[in-house]
N, C-alpha and C. Protein backbone atom coordinates (compact mmCIF):
# COMPACT_ATOMS: atom_id res chain seq x y z
N UNK A 1 0.84 -1.17 0.00
CA UNK A 1 0.00 0.00 0.00
C UNK A 1 0.89 1.24 0.00
N UNK A 2 0.53 2.20 -0.80
CA UNK A 2 1.30 3.45 -0.88
C UNK A 2 1.16 4.25 0.40
N UNK A 3 2.24 4.87 0.83
CA UNK A 3 2.19 5.73 2.01
C UNK A 3 2.37 7.18 1.60
N UNK A 4 1.90 8.08 2.44
CA UNK A 4 2.03 9.52 2.20
C UNK A 4 2.53 10.18 3.47
N UNK A 5 3.13 11.34 3.33
CA UNK A 5 3.56 12.12 4.48
C UNK A 5 2.45 13.07 4.89
N UNK A 6 2.27 13.24 6.19
CA UNK A 6 1.26 14.14 6.73
C UNK A 6 1.96 15.06 7.72
N UNK A 7 1.73 16.36 7.59
CA UNK A 7 2.32 17.33 8.52
C UNK A 7 1.25 17.83 9.48
N UNK A 8 1.59 17.85 10.76
CA UNK A 8 0.65 18.30 11.79
C UNK A 8 1.38 19.27 12.70
N UNK A 9 0.71 20.36 13.07
CA UNK A 9 1.29 21.31 14.01
C UNK A 9 0.67 21.09 15.38
N UNK A 10 1.54 21.03 16.40
CA UNK A 10 1.06 20.88 17.77
C UNK A 10 2.12 21.45 18.69
N UNK A 11 1.75 21.61 19.93
CA UNK A 11 2.71 22.11 20.90
C UNK A 11 3.79 21.06 21.13
N UNK A 12 5.01 21.52 21.32
CA UNK A 12 6.14 20.62 21.51
C UNK A 12 5.92 19.70 22.71
N UNK A 13 5.39 20.25 23.80
CA UNK A 13 5.18 19.45 25.01
C UNK A 13 4.18 18.33 24.76
N UNK A 14 3.13 18.63 24.00
CA UNK A 14 2.13 17.61 23.65
C UNK A 14 2.78 16.49 22.87
N UNK A 15 3.59 16.85 21.88
CA UNK A 15 4.27 15.84 21.07
C UNK A 15 5.21 14.99 21.91
N UNK A 16 5.97 15.63 22.77
CA UNK A 16 6.92 14.91 23.60
C UNK A 16 6.23 13.99 24.59
N UNK A 17 5.16 14.48 25.22
CA UNK A 17 4.40 13.65 26.16
C UNK A 17 3.80 12.43 25.47
N UNK A 18 3.24 12.66 24.28
CA UNK A 18 2.62 11.57 23.53
C UNK A 18 3.69 10.56 23.11
N UNK A 19 4.82 11.04 22.62
CA UNK A 19 5.89 10.15 22.18
C UNK A 19 6.39 9.30 23.34
N UNK A 20 6.48 9.89 24.53
CA UNK A 20 6.92 9.13 25.71
C UNK A 20 5.91 8.02 26.04
N UNK A 21 4.62 8.38 26.03
CA UNK A 21 3.58 7.40 26.31
C UNK A 21 3.62 6.26 25.29
N UNK A 22 3.68 6.61 24.01
CA UNK A 22 3.68 5.59 22.97
C UNK A 22 4.90 4.69 23.10
N UNK A 23 6.04 5.27 23.43
CA UNK A 23 7.26 4.50 23.61
C UNK A 23 7.09 3.49 24.74
N UNK A 24 6.46 3.92 25.83
CA UNK A 24 6.20 3.02 26.95
C UNK A 24 5.26 1.89 26.55
N UNK A 25 4.39 2.16 25.60
CA UNK A 25 3.46 1.14 25.10
C UNK A 25 4.10 0.27 24.02
N UNK A 26 5.30 0.65 23.58
CA UNK A 26 6.02 -0.15 22.59
C UNK A 26 5.63 0.15 21.15
N UNK A 27 5.07 1.34 20.91
CA UNK A 27 4.71 1.72 19.54
C UNK A 27 5.26 3.11 19.25
N UNK A 28 5.38 3.43 17.97
CA UNK A 28 5.84 4.75 17.57
C UNK A 28 4.65 5.70 17.46
N UNK A 29 4.95 6.98 17.39
CA UNK A 29 3.88 7.96 17.20
C UNK A 29 3.16 7.70 15.88
N UNK A 30 3.90 7.37 14.85
CA UNK A 30 3.29 7.06 13.55
C UNK A 30 2.32 5.88 13.66
N UNK A 31 2.75 4.83 14.35
CA UNK A 31 1.88 3.67 14.53
C UNK A 31 0.63 4.04 15.33
N UNK A 32 0.78 4.87 16.35
CA UNK A 32 -0.37 5.28 17.17
C UNK A 32 -1.36 6.09 16.34
N UNK A 33 -0.86 7.00 15.53
CA UNK A 33 -1.75 7.82 14.69
C UNK A 33 -2.47 6.93 13.69
N UNK A 34 -1.75 6.00 13.07
CA UNK A 34 -2.38 5.08 12.12
C UNK A 34 -3.46 4.24 12.78
N UNK A 35 -3.20 3.77 13.99
CA UNK A 35 -4.20 2.99 14.72
C UNK A 35 -5.45 3.82 14.98
N UNK A 36 -5.26 5.06 15.40
CA UNK A 36 -6.39 5.95 15.66
C UNK A 36 -7.20 6.19 14.40
N UNK A 37 -6.54 6.47 13.30
CA UNK A 37 -7.24 6.78 12.06
C UNK A 37 -7.95 5.57 11.47
N UNK A 38 -7.52 4.38 11.83
CA UNK A 38 -8.16 3.17 11.31
C UNK A 38 -9.29 2.65 12.19
N UNK A 39 -9.55 3.33 13.32
CA UNK A 39 -10.64 2.89 14.18
C UNK A 39 -11.96 2.95 13.42
N UNK A 40 -12.76 1.92 13.53
CA UNK A 40 -14.07 1.96 12.86
C UNK A 40 -14.95 3.03 13.50
N UNK A 41 -15.54 3.84 12.66
CA UNK A 41 -16.41 4.90 13.17
C UNK A 41 -17.45 5.20 12.10
N UNK A 42 -18.72 4.90 12.39
CA UNK A 42 -19.77 5.17 11.40
C UNK A 42 -19.84 6.65 11.04
N UNK A 43 -20.21 6.92 9.80
CA UNK A 43 -20.30 8.30 9.33
C UNK A 43 -21.27 9.13 10.15
N UNK A 44 -22.29 8.50 10.71
CA UNK A 44 -23.27 9.23 11.51
C UNK A 44 -22.61 9.92 12.71
N UNK A 45 -21.60 9.28 13.28
CA UNK A 45 -20.91 9.89 14.41
C UNK A 45 -20.19 11.15 14.00
N UNK A 46 -19.63 11.17 12.80
CA UNK A 46 -18.91 12.35 12.32
C UNK A 46 -19.85 13.54 12.24
N UNK A 47 -21.08 13.30 11.84
CA UNK A 47 -22.03 14.41 11.72
C UNK A 47 -22.18 15.15 13.04
N UNK A 48 -22.22 14.41 14.15
CA UNK A 48 -22.36 15.05 15.46
C UNK A 48 -21.14 15.90 15.76
N UNK A 49 -19.97 15.32 15.62
CA UNK A 49 -18.74 16.04 15.96
C UNK A 49 -18.51 17.24 15.05
N UNK A 50 -18.85 17.11 13.78
CA UNK A 50 -18.60 18.19 12.85
C UNK A 50 -19.65 19.29 12.95
N UNK A 51 -20.81 18.99 13.53
CA UNK A 51 -21.87 20.00 13.63
C UNK A 51 -21.77 20.81 14.91
N UNK A 52 -20.94 20.39 15.84
CA UNK A 52 -20.82 21.09 17.13
C UNK A 52 -20.09 22.40 16.95
């Protein structure tokens, strides 16, 4: 499967804290983001979050 680069801006402390947590869990930040984005979520749920 083809991969792409994604750029995200966040506070340095947030990134560092997350990277530390993911490291303790034995995964990389990239793996954690991919896992989150692949979570099953019906489109109906998006309507609620996007309408708020």
